[in-house]
Amino acid sequence: MRDVLVLREILTQVGLDQVEWETWSQPGRAGAEIHPLYSCDPATAFLVRFGPDSHGDRHEHLGHELMLVLQGELRNDNGDRYTVGDLIVEAPNSTHRVSSETGCVLLVVREGPTVPVTGS
């Protein structure tokens, strides 16, 4: 048996328009949509689309997180900005909150879960 998911032309607006997006509702998160690709506990992979002036929650990574910017610009709370083609790898125990002023789409692969960070 072969179980395969293919998303065609994902680097184009046409391809991204064909993705079935779900609202990503979590405390501290605003304006984000998600398209799950796979989950193999504890690893997960998904596409995430941030609308203009959106943000994620502040969280700590319990495993590595890989993010590839497919469209737009992503901003990290340390001031770093990432654009199309940038590949970002967050190490375990790192904390951050990402946002986008103009909107963006990311491919995200997490080796482990995240935990919310409150305060500061």
Protein backbone atom coordinates (compact mmCIF):
# COMPACT_ATOMS: atom_id res chain seq x y z
CA MET A 1 0.00 0.00 0.00
CA ARG A 2 1.18 3.51 -0.78
CA ASP A 3 -0.19 6.47 1.17
CA VAL A 4 1.09 9.72 -0.31
CA LEU A 5 0.03 13.35 -0.10
CA VAL A 6 0.91 15.62 -3.02
CA LEU A 7 0.38 19.37 -2.97
CA ARG A 8 1.09 20.66 -6.45
CA GLU A 9 2.61 24.05 -7.28
CA ILE A 10 2.96 24.90 -3.58
CA LEU A 11 5.46 27.64 -4.41
CA THR A 12 2.85 29.51 -6.44
CA GLN A 13 -0.27 31.42 -5.46
CA VAL A 14 -2.31 29.00 -7.58
CA GLY A 15 -1.03 26.08 -5.53
CA LEU A 16 -1.54 27.83 -2.19
CA ASP A 17 -5.10 28.79 -3.18
CA GLN A 18 -5.86 25.06 -3.56
CA VAL A 19 -4.82 24.25 0.02
CA GLU A 20 -7.67 23.57 2.44
CA TRP A 21 -6.92 25.91 5.36
CA GLU A 22 -8.38 25.57 8.88
CA THR A 23 -8.49 28.35 11.46
CA TRP A 24 -5.72 27.76 14.02
CA SER A 25 -7.26 28.70 17.35
CA GLN A 26 -4.97 28.69 20.37
CA PRO A 27 -4.55 31.10 23.27
CA GLY A 28 -2.12 33.85 22.24
CA ARG A 29 -2.47 33.14 18.51
CA ALA A 30 -4.30 35.48 16.13
CA GLY A 31 -4.91 35.45 12.37
CA ALA A 32 -3.33 32.07 11.63
CA GLU A 33 -4.57 29.17 9.53
CA ILE A 34 -3.12 25.67 9.37
CA HIS A 35 -3.05 22.75 6.94
CA PRO A 36 -1.78 19.61 8.72
CA LEU A 37 0.53 17.42 6.61
CA TYR A 38 1.30 14.62 9.07
CA SER A 39 1.53 13.82 12.73
CA CYS A 40 3.70 10.99 14.01
CA ASP A 41 3.89 11.56 17.75
CA PRO A 42 5.79 13.59 18.75
CA ALA A 43 6.74 14.90 15.26
CA THR A 44 4.38 17.03 13.18
CA ALA A 45 4.50 18.84 9.86
CA PHE A 46 2.10 21.47 8.57
CA LEU A 47 1.65 24.53 6.42
CA VAL A 48 0.73 27.69 8.28
CA ARG A 49 -0.65 30.89 6.80
CA PHE A 50 -0.41 34.10 8.80
CA GLY A 51 -2.64 36.94 7.68
CA PRO A 52 -1.54 40.58 7.84
CA ASP A 53 -0.82 41.74 11.43
CA SER A 54 -1.11 38.20 12.77
CA HIS A 55 1.00 36.38 15.34
CA GLY A 56 1.62 33.06 16.98
CA ASP A 57 1.74 32.34 20.67
CA ARG A 58 4.94 32.62 22.72
CA HIS A 59 6.17 29.07 23.18
CA GLU A 60 9.14 26.87 24.02
CA HIS A 61 10.25 24.08 21.72
CA LEU A 62 10.80 20.65 23.22
CA GLY A 63 12.41 19.49 19.96
CA HIS A 64 13.83 21.10 16.84
CA GLU A 65 11.54 23.21 14.65
CA LEU A 66 12.27 23.78 10.98
CA MET A 67 10.48 26.62 9.17
CA LEU A 68 10.73 27.39 5.45
CA VAL A 69 9.20 30.66 4.25
CA LEU A 70 7.17 29.94 1.10
CA GLN A 71 5.54 33.36 0.72
CA GLY A 72 5.70 36.77 2.42
CA GLU A 73 7.76 37.83 5.41
CA LEU A 74 7.96 36.32 8.90
CA ARG A 75 9.19 38.31 11.89
CA ASN A 76 10.69 36.76 15.02
CA ASP A 77 10.34 38.52 18.36
CA ASN A 78 14.13 39.04 18.52
CA GLY A 79 13.84 41.37 15.50
CA ASP A 80 14.97 38.90 12.83
CA ARG A 81 13.01 39.01 9.56
CA TYR A 82 12.79 36.09 7.16
CA THR A 83 11.63 36.16 3.54
CA VAL A 84 10.85 33.68 0.76
CA GLY A 85 13.40 30.88 0.65
CA ASP A 86 14.75 31.44 4.16
CA LEU A 87 15.12 28.26 6.22
CA ILE A 88 15.04 28.69 10.00
CA VAL A 89 15.87 25.96 12.54
CA GLU A 90 14.95 26.59 16.17
CA ALA A 91 16.82 24.39 18.66
CA PRO A 92 15.17 22.50 21.52
CA ASN A 93 14.49 24.71 24.56
CA SER A 94 14.38 27.87 22.42
CA THR A 95 11.47 30.25 22.96
CA HIS A 96 9.98 32.70 20.53
CA ARG A 97 6.86 34.38 19.20
CA VAL A 98 6.55 34.90 15.46
CA SER A 99 4.40 37.38 13.60
CA SER A 100 3.82 38.85 10.18
CA GLU A 101 2.97 42.43 9.28
CA THR A 102 2.05 41.63 5.67
CA GLY A 103 1.15 37.93 5.87
CA CYS A 104 3.19 34.84 5.04
CA VAL A 105 3.05 31.10 4.41
CA LEU A 106 5.44 28.64 6.03
CA LEU A 107 6.26 24.96 5.88
CA VAL A 108 6.85 23.87 9.48
CA VAL A 109 8.31 20.58 10.73
CA ARG A 110 8.50 19.99 14.48
CA GLU A 111 10.36 17.10 16.09
CA GLY A 112 8.53 17.59 19.36
CA PRO A 113 5.73 19.53 20.98
CA THR A 114 5.76 23.11 22.18
CA VAL A 115 4.65 24.49 25.52
CA PRO A 116 3.17 27.96 26.06
CA VAL A 117 5.35 30.55 27.76
CA THR A 118 3.54 33.16 29.81
CA GLY A 119 4.80 36.60 30.80
CA SER A 120 7.43 38.89 29.22
